[in-house]
PDB file of N, CA and C in Angstrom:
ATOM      1  N   MET A   1     -10.373  24.653  -3.724  1.00  0.00           N
ATOM      2  CA  MET A   1     -10.024  23.286  -3.984  1.00  0.00           C
ATOM      3  C   MET A   1     -10.444  22.437  -2.793  1.00  0.00           C
ATOM      4  N   ALA A   2     -10.975  21.269  -3.061  1.00  0.00           N
ATOM      5  CA  ALA A   2     -11.477  20.407  -1.997  1.00  0.00           C
ATOM      6  C   ALA A   2     -10.331  19.773  -1.234  1.00  0.00           C
ATOM      7  N   GLN A   3     -10.559  19.576   0.051  1.00  0.00           N
ATOM      8  CA  GLN A   3      -9.573  18.906   0.887  1.00  0.00           C
ATOM      9  C   GLN A   3      -9.722  17.404   0.738  1.00  0.00           C
ATOM     10  N   SER A   4      -8.620  16.712   0.677  1.00  0.00           N
ATOM     11  CA  SER A   4      -8.680  15.256   0.617  1.00  0.00           C
ATOM     12  C   SER A   4      -8.628  14.715   2.033  1.00  0.00           C
ATOM     13  N   GLY A   5      -9.274  13.590   2.247  1.00  0.00           N
ATOM     14  CA  GLY A   5      -9.312  13.012   3.584  1.00  0.00           C
ATOM     15  C   GLY A   5      -8.851  11.579   3.588  1.00  0.00           C
ATOM     16  N   LYS A   6      -8.423  11.132   4.733  1.00  0.00           N
ATOM     17  CA  LYS A   6      -7.983   9.751   4.879  1.00  0.00           C
ATOM     18  C   LYS A   6      -9.207   8.846   4.843  1.00  0.00           C
ATOM     19  N   GLY A   7      -8.995   7.613   4.436  1.00  0.00           N
ATOM     20  CA  GLY A   7     -10.063   6.631   4.390  1.00  0.00           C
ATOM     21  C   GLY A   7     -10.347   6.068   5.766  1.00  0.00           C
ATOM     22  N   ARG A   8     -11.160   5.030   5.786  1.00  0.00           N
ATOM     23  CA  ARG A   8     -11.501   4.401   7.054  1.00  0.00           C
ATOM     24  C   ARG A   8     -10.268   3.802   7.715  1.00  0.00           C
ATOM     25  N   LEU A   9      -9.431   3.158   6.915  1.00  0.00           N
ATOM     26  CA  LEU A   9      -8.181   2.587   7.396  1.00  0.00           C
ATOM     27  C   LEU A   9      -7.039   3.238   6.641  1.00  0.00           C
ATOM     28  N   ASN A  10      -5.905   3.297   7.258  1.00  0.00           N
ATOM     29  CA  ASN A  10      -4.735   3.843   6.572  1.00  0.00           C
ATOM     30  C   ASN A  10      -4.064   2.739   5.784  1.00  0.00           C
ATOM     31  N   TYR A  11      -4.277   2.747   4.477  1.00  0.00           N
ATOM     32  CA  TYR A  11      -3.614   1.786   3.603  1.00  0.00           C
ATOM     33  C   TYR A  11      -2.328   2.393   3.085  1.00  0.00           C
ATOM     34  N   ARG A  12      -1.311   1.561   2.934  1.00  0.00           N
ATOM     35  CA  ARG A  12      -0.071   2.004   2.313  1.00  0.00           C
ATOM     36  C   ARG A  12      -0.217   1.901   0.809  1.00  0.00           C
ATOM     37  N   CYS A  13       0.416   2.830   0.120  1.00  0.00           N
ATOM     38  CA  CYS A  13       0.418   2.772  -1.334  1.00  0.00           C
ATOM     39  C   CYS A  13       1.281   1.589  -1.761  1.00  0.00           C
ATOM     40  N   PRO A  14       0.730   0.619  -2.498  1.00  0.00           N
ATOM     41  CA  PRO A  14       1.517  -0.555  -2.876  1.00  0.00           C
ATOM     42  C   PRO A  14       2.658  -0.225  -3.836  1.00  0.00           C
ATOM     43  N   SER A  15       2.470   0.732  -4.697  1.00  0.00           N
ATOM     44  CA  SER A  15       3.517   1.106  -5.648  1.00  0.00           C
ATOM     45  C   SER A  15       4.705   1.735  -4.923  1.00  0.00           C
ATOM     46  N   CYS A  16       4.441   2.633  -4.004  1.00  0.00           N
ATOM     47  CA  CYS A  16       5.515   3.263  -3.237  1.00  0.00           C
ATOM     48  C   CYS A  16       6.148   2.265  -2.276  1.00  0.00           C
ATOM     49  N   PHE A  17       5.333   1.417  -1.672  1.00  0.00           N
ATOM     50  CA  PHE A  17       5.850   0.472  -0.684  1.00  0.00           C
ATOM     51  C   PHE A  17       6.792  -0.544  -1.316  1.00  0.00           C
ATOM     52  N   MET A  18       6.567  -0.916  -2.575  1.00  0.00           N
ATOM     53  CA  MET A  18       7.481  -1.823  -3.256  1.00  0.00           C
ATOM     54  C   MET A  18       8.838  -1.167  -3.508  1.00  0.00           C
ATOM     55  N   ARG A  19       8.874   0.159  -3.475  1.00  0.00           N
ATOM     56  CA  ARG A  19      10.136   0.888  -3.620  1.00  0.00           C
ATOM     57  C   ARG A  19      10.658   1.363  -2.265  1.00  0.00           C
ATOM     58  N   ASP A  20      10.179   0.740  -1.189  1.00  0.00           N
ATOM     59  CA  ASP A  20      10.600   1.027   0.184  1.00  0.00           C
ATOM     60  C   ASP A  20      10.287   2.452   0.618  1.00  0.00           C
ATOM     61  N   ILE A  21       9.154   2.976   0.160  1.00  0.00           N
ATOM     62  CA  ILE A  21       8.671   4.279   0.583  1.00  0.00           C
ATOM     63  C   ILE A  21       7.342   4.048   1.291  1.00  0.00           C
ATOM     64  N   ASP A  22       7.238   4.511   2.523  1.00  0.00           N
ATOM     65  CA  ASP A  22       6.029   4.288   3.315  1.00  0.00           C
ATOM     66  C   ASP A  22       5.097   5.487   3.154  1.00  0.00           C
ATOM     67  N   MET A  23       4.122   5.357   2.269  1.00  0.00           N
ATOM     68  CA  MET A  23       3.223   6.462   1.933  1.00  0.00           C
ATOM     69  C   MET A  23       1.784   6.032   2.178  1.00  0.00           C
ATOM     70  N   ASP A  24       1.037   6.799   2.958  1.00  0.00           N
ATOM     71  CA  ASP A  24      -0.379   6.513   3.179  1.00  0.00           C
ATOM     72  C   ASP A  24      -1.193   6.959   1.980  1.00  0.00           C
ATOM     73  N   MET A  25      -2.295   6.252   1.761  1.00  0.00           N
ATOM     74  CA  MET A  25      -3.187   6.601   0.658  1.00  0.00           C
ATOM     75  C   MET A  25      -4.360   7.418   1.186  1.00  0.00           C
ATOM     76  N   PHE A  26      -4.971   8.179   0.320  1.00  0.00           N
ATOM     77  CA  PHE A  26      -6.151   8.963   0.649  1.00  0.00           C
ATOM     78  C   PHE A  26      -7.354   8.355  -0.061  1.00  0.00           C
ATOM     79  N   TYR A  27      -8.541   8.637   0.467  1.00  0.00           N
ATOM     80  CA  TYR A  27      -9.777   8.067  -0.076  1.00  0.00           C
ATOM     81  C   TYR A  27     -10.640   9.165  -0.661  1.00  0.00           C
ATOM     82  N   ASP A  28     -11.089   8.965  -1.897  1.00  0.00           N
ATOM     83  CA  ASP A  28     -11.992   9.895  -2.564  1.00  0.00           C
ATOM     84  C   ASP A  28     -13.395   9.313  -2.496  1.00  0.00           C
ATOM     85  N   LYS A  29     -14.260   9.922  -1.701  1.00  0.00           N
ATOM     86  CA  LYS A  29     -15.624   9.401  -1.506  1.00  0.00           C
ATOM     87  C   LYS A  29     -16.451   9.473  -2.785  1.00  0.00           C
ATOM     88  N   ASP A  30     -16.241  10.506  -3.579  1.00  0.00           N
ATOM     89  CA  ASP A  30     -17.021  10.667  -4.802  1.00  0.00           C
ATOM     90  C   ASP A  30     -16.726   9.560  -5.811  1.00  0.00           C
ATOM     91  N   LYS A  31     -15.459   9.244  -5.990  1.00  0.00           N
ATOM     92  CA  LYS A  31     -15.068   8.211  -6.954  1.00  0.00           C
ATOM     93  C   LYS A  31     -14.961   6.834  -6.324  1.00  0.00           C
ATOM     94  N   GLU A  32     -15.051   6.784  -4.979  1.00  0.00           N
ATOM     95  CA  GLU A  32     -14.947   5.536  -4.221  1.00  0.00           C
ATOM     96  C   GLU A  32     -13.657   4.785  -4.557  1.00  0.00           C
ATOM     97  N   GLU A  33     -12.538   5.507  -4.496  1.00  0.00           N
ATOM     98  CA  GLU A  33     -11.246   4.886  -4.763  1.00  0.00           C
ATOM     99  C   GLU A  33     -10.176   5.527  -3.888  1.00  0.00           C
ATOM    100  N   TYR A  34      -9.107   4.800  -3.715  1.00  0.00           N
ATOM    101  CA  TYR A  34      -7.950   5.285  -2.967  1.00  0.00           C
ATOM    102  C   TYR A  34      -6.931   5.829  -3.959  1.00  0.00           C
ATOM    103  N   TYR A  35      -6.157   6.828  -3.527  1.00  0.00           N
ATOM    104  CA  TYR A  35      -5.146   7.395  -4.393  1.00  0.00           C
ATOM    105  C   TYR A  35      -3.936   7.822  -3.575  1.00  0.00           C
ATOM    106  N   CYS A  36      -2.788   7.867  -4.242  1.00  0.00           N
ATOM    107  CA  CYS A  36      -1.526   8.259  -3.629  1.00  0.00           C
ATOM    108  C   CYS A  36      -1.128   9.626  -4.163  1.00  0.00           C
ATOM    109  N   LEU A  37      -0.690  10.484  -3.264  1.00  0.00           N
ATOM    110  CA  LEU A  37      -0.268  11.821  -3.685  1.00  0.00           C
ATOM    111  C   LEU A  37       1.128  11.824  -4.283  1.00  0.00           C
ATOM    112  N   ARG A  38       1.914  10.805  -3.997  1.00  0.00           N
ATOM    113  CA  ARG A  38       3.306  10.798  -4.441  1.00  0.00           C
ATOM    114  C   ARG A  38       3.478  10.196  -5.827  1.00  0.00           C
ATOM    115  N   CYS A  39       2.806   9.074  -6.104  1.00  0.00           N
ATOM    116  CA  CYS A  39       3.098   8.356  -7.347  1.00  0.00           C
ATOM    117  C   CYS A  39       1.899   8.250  -8.301  1.00  0.00           C
ATOM    118  N   GLN A  40       0.779   8.822  -7.961  1.00  0.00           N
ATOM    119  CA  GLN A  40      -0.406   8.827  -8.826  1.00  0.00           C
ATOM    120  C   GLN A  40      -1.088   7.469  -8.935  1.00  0.00           C
ATOM    121  N   PHE A  41      -0.829   6.541  -8.008  1.00  0.00           N
ATOM    122  CA  PHE A  41      -1.528   5.257  -8.019  1.00  0.00           C
ATOM    123  C   PHE A  41      -2.969   5.473  -7.593  1.00  0.00           C
ATOM    124  N   ARG A  42      -3.897   4.841  -8.298  1.00  0.00           N
ATOM    125  CA  ARG A  42      -5.324   4.893  -7.964  1.00  0.00           C
ATOM    126  C   ARG A  42      -5.885   3.491  -8.011  1.00  0.00           C
ATOM    127  N   GLY A  43      -6.830   3.198  -7.126  1.00  0.00           N
ATOM    128  CA  GLY A  43      -7.445   1.889  -7.173  1.00  0.00           C
ATOM    129  C   GLY A  43      -8.510   1.712  -6.113  1.00  0.00           C
ATOM    130  N   SER A  44      -9.333   0.708  -6.326  1.00  0.00           N
ATOM    131  CA  SER A  44     -10.375   0.388  -5.355  1.00  0.00           C
ATOM    132  C   SER A  44      -9.744  -0.277  -4.139  1.00  0.00           C
ATOM    133  N   GLU A  45     -10.540  -0.472  -3.106  1.00  0.00           N
ATOM    134  CA  GLU A  45     -10.028  -1.105  -1.890  1.00  0.00           C
ATOM    135  C   GLU A  45      -9.533  -2.518  -2.175  1.00  0.00           C
ATOM    136  N   ALA A  46     -10.243  -3.241  -3.040  1.00  0.00           N
ATOM    137  CA  ALA A  46      -9.838  -4.610  -3.376  1.00  0.00           C
ATOM    138  C   ALA A  46      -8.494  -4.622  -4.112  1.00  0.00           C
ATOM    139  N   GLU A  47      -8.290  -3.673  -5.020  1.00  0.00           N
ATOM    140  CA  GLU A  47      -7.023  -3.598  -5.748  1.00  0.00           C
ATOM    141  C   GLU A  47      -5.860  -3.260  -4.817  1.00  0.00           C
ATOM    142  N   VAL A  48      -6.099  -2.342  -3.899  1.00  0.00           N
ATOM    143  CA  VAL A  48      -5.052  -1.946  -2.951  1.00  0.00           C
ATOM    144  C   VAL A  48      -4.685  -3.124  -2.055  1.00  0.00           C
ATOM    145  N   LEU A  49      -5.691  -3.842  -1.560  1.00  0.00           N
ATOM    146  CA  LEU A  49      -5.422  -4.993  -0.693  1.00  0.00           C
ATOM    147  C   LEU A  49      -4.685  -6.097  -1.440  1.00  0.00           C
ATOM    148  N   ALA A  50      -5.046  -6.329  -2.691  1.00  0.00           N
ATOM    149  CA  ALA A  50      -4.385  -7.379  -3.480  1.00  0.00           C
ATOM    150  C   ALA A  50      -2.921  -7.029  -3.734  1.00  0.00           C
ATOM    151  N   LYS A  51      -2.650  -5.781  -4.062  1.00  0.00           N
ATOM    152  CA  LYS A  51      -1.272  -5.372  -4.332  1.00  0.00           C
ATOM    153  C   LYS A  51      -0.446  -5.294  -3.049  1.00  0.00           C
ATOM    154  N   ASN A  52      -1.076  -4.958  -1.929  1.00  0.00           N
ATOM    155  CA  ASN A  52      -0.363  -4.962  -0.650  1.00  0.00           C
ATOM    156  C   ASN A  52      -0.047  -6.385  -0.209  1.00  0.00           C
ATOM    157  N   GLU A  53      -0.850  -7.345  -0.633  1.00  0.00           N
ATOM    158  CA  GLU A  53      -0.564  -8.747  -0.327  1.00  0.00           C
ATOM    159  C   GLU A  53       0.730  -9.185  -1.021  1.00  0.00           C
ATOM    160  N   MET A  54       1.005  -8.654  -2.206  1.00  0.00           N
ATOM    161  CA  MET A  54       2.266  -8.939  -2.889  1.00  0.00           C
ATOM    162  C   MET A  54       3.440  -8.398  -2.075  1.00  0.00           C
ATOM    163  N   ALA A  55       3.265  -7.234  -1.448  1.00  0.00           N
ATOM    164  CA  ALA A  55       4.326  -6.669  -0.618  1.00  0.00           C
ATOM    165  C   ALA A  55       4.534  -7.524   0.630  1.00  0.00           C
ATOM    166  N   ARG A  56       3.466  -8.057   1.186  1.00  0.00           N
ATOM    167  CA  ARG A  56       3.613  -8.947   2.340  1.00  0.00           C
ATOM    168  C   ARG A  56       4.373 -10.201   1.964  1.00  0.00           C
ATOM    169  N   PHE A  57       4.178 -10.680   0.750  1.00  0.00           N
ATOM    170  CA  PHE A  57       4.922 -11.845   0.277  1.00  0.00           C
ATOM    171  C   PHE A  57       6.414 -11.507   0.191  1.00  0.00           C
ATOM    172  N   ARG A  58       6.713 -10.310  -0.248  1.00  0.00           N
ATOM    173  CA  ARG A  58       8.108  -9.888  -0.382  1.00  0.00           C
ATOM    174  C   ARG A  58       8.819  -9.871   0.966  1.00  0.00           C
ATOM    175  N   TYR A  59       8.138  -9.389   1.999  1.00  0.00           N
ATOM    176  CA  TYR A  59       8.737  -9.273   3.322  1.00  0.00           C
ATOM    177  C   TYR A  59       8.285 -10.383   4.268  1.00  0.00           C
ATOM    178  N   GLY A  60       7.719 -11.447   3.740  1.00  0.00           N
ATOM    179  CA  GLY A  60       7.167 -12.511   4.568  1.00  0.00           C
ATOM    180  C   GLY A  60       8.184 -13.222   5.432  1.00  0.00           C
ATOM    181  N   ALA A  61       9.400 -13.357   4.975  1.00  0.00           N
ATOM    182  CA  ALA A  61      10.427 -14.085   5.716  1.00  0.00           C
ATOM    183  C   ALA A  61      11.387 -13.146   6.441  1.00  0.00           C
ATOM    184  N   MET A  62      10.974 -11.924   6.659  1.00  0.00           N
ATOM    185  CA  MET A  62      11.879 -10.943   7.238  1.00  0.00           C
ATOM    186  C   MET A  62      12.324 -11.340   8.651  1.00  0.00           C
ATOM    187  N   TYR A  63      11.450 -11.940   9.430  1.00  0.00           N
ATOM    188  CA  TYR A  63      11.790 -12.276  10.805  1.00  0.00           C
ATOM    189  C   TYR A  63      12.187 -13.737  10.985  1.00  0.00           C
ATOM    190  N   LYS A  64      12.315 -14.484   9.914  1.00  0.00           N
ATOM    191  CA  LYS A  64      12.771 -15.865  10.001  1.00  0.00           C
ATOM    192  C   LYS A  64      14.288 -15.897   9.980  1.00  0.00           C
ATOM    193  N   ARG A  65      14.825 -16.847  10.684  1.00  0.00           N
ATOM    194  CA  ARG A  65      16.271 -17.000  10.703  1.00  0.00           C
ATOM    195  C   ARG A  65      16.639 -18.196   9.849  1.00  0.00           C
ATOM    196  N   PHE A  66      17.509 -17.984   8.882  1.00  0.00           N
ATOM    197  CA  PHE A  66      17.929 -19.031   7.986  1.00  0.00           C
ATOM    198  C   PHE A  66      19.349 -19.468   8.338  1.00  0.00           C
ATOM    199  N   SER A  67      19.559 -20.756   8.329  1.00  0.00           N
ATOM    200  CA  SER A  67      20.888 -21.290   8.599  1.00  0.00           C
ATOM    201  C   SER A  67      21.415 -21.921   7.326  1.00  0.00           C
ATOM    202  N   PHE A  68      22.623 -21.530   6.939  1.00  0.00           N
ATOM    203  CA  PHE A  68      23.219 -22.042   5.721  1.00  0.00           C
ATOM    204  C   PHE A  68      24.332 -23.060   6.013  1.00  0.00           C
ATOM    205  N   ASP A  69      24.326 -23.577   7.226  1.00  0.00           N
ATOM    206  CA  ASP A  69      25.305 -24.600   7.600  1.00  0.00           C
ATOM    207  C   ASP A  69      24.884 -25.938   7.018  1.00  0.00           C
ATOM    208  N   ASP A  70      25.847 -26.712   6.540  1.00  0.00           N
ATOM    209  CA  ASP A  70      25.543 -28.040   5.988  1.00  0.00           C
ATOM    210  C   ASP A  70      25.814 -29.109   7.002  1.00  0.00           C
TER     211      ASP A  70
END
């Protein structure tokens, strides 16, 4: 069985990351796509980046301080 290898950059799986699981994706050179070993997510680099942008939106205000005083 062939060994899977990491891609050029370590991308997080967007499906797992939305469920608060930090899982790196692997890159398949033959199919030119990224895949997750945990949840079976597959996608091109553009799809992974677009879905990870949704996760950044979710945590975008994590370091902002909100005041609810009137």
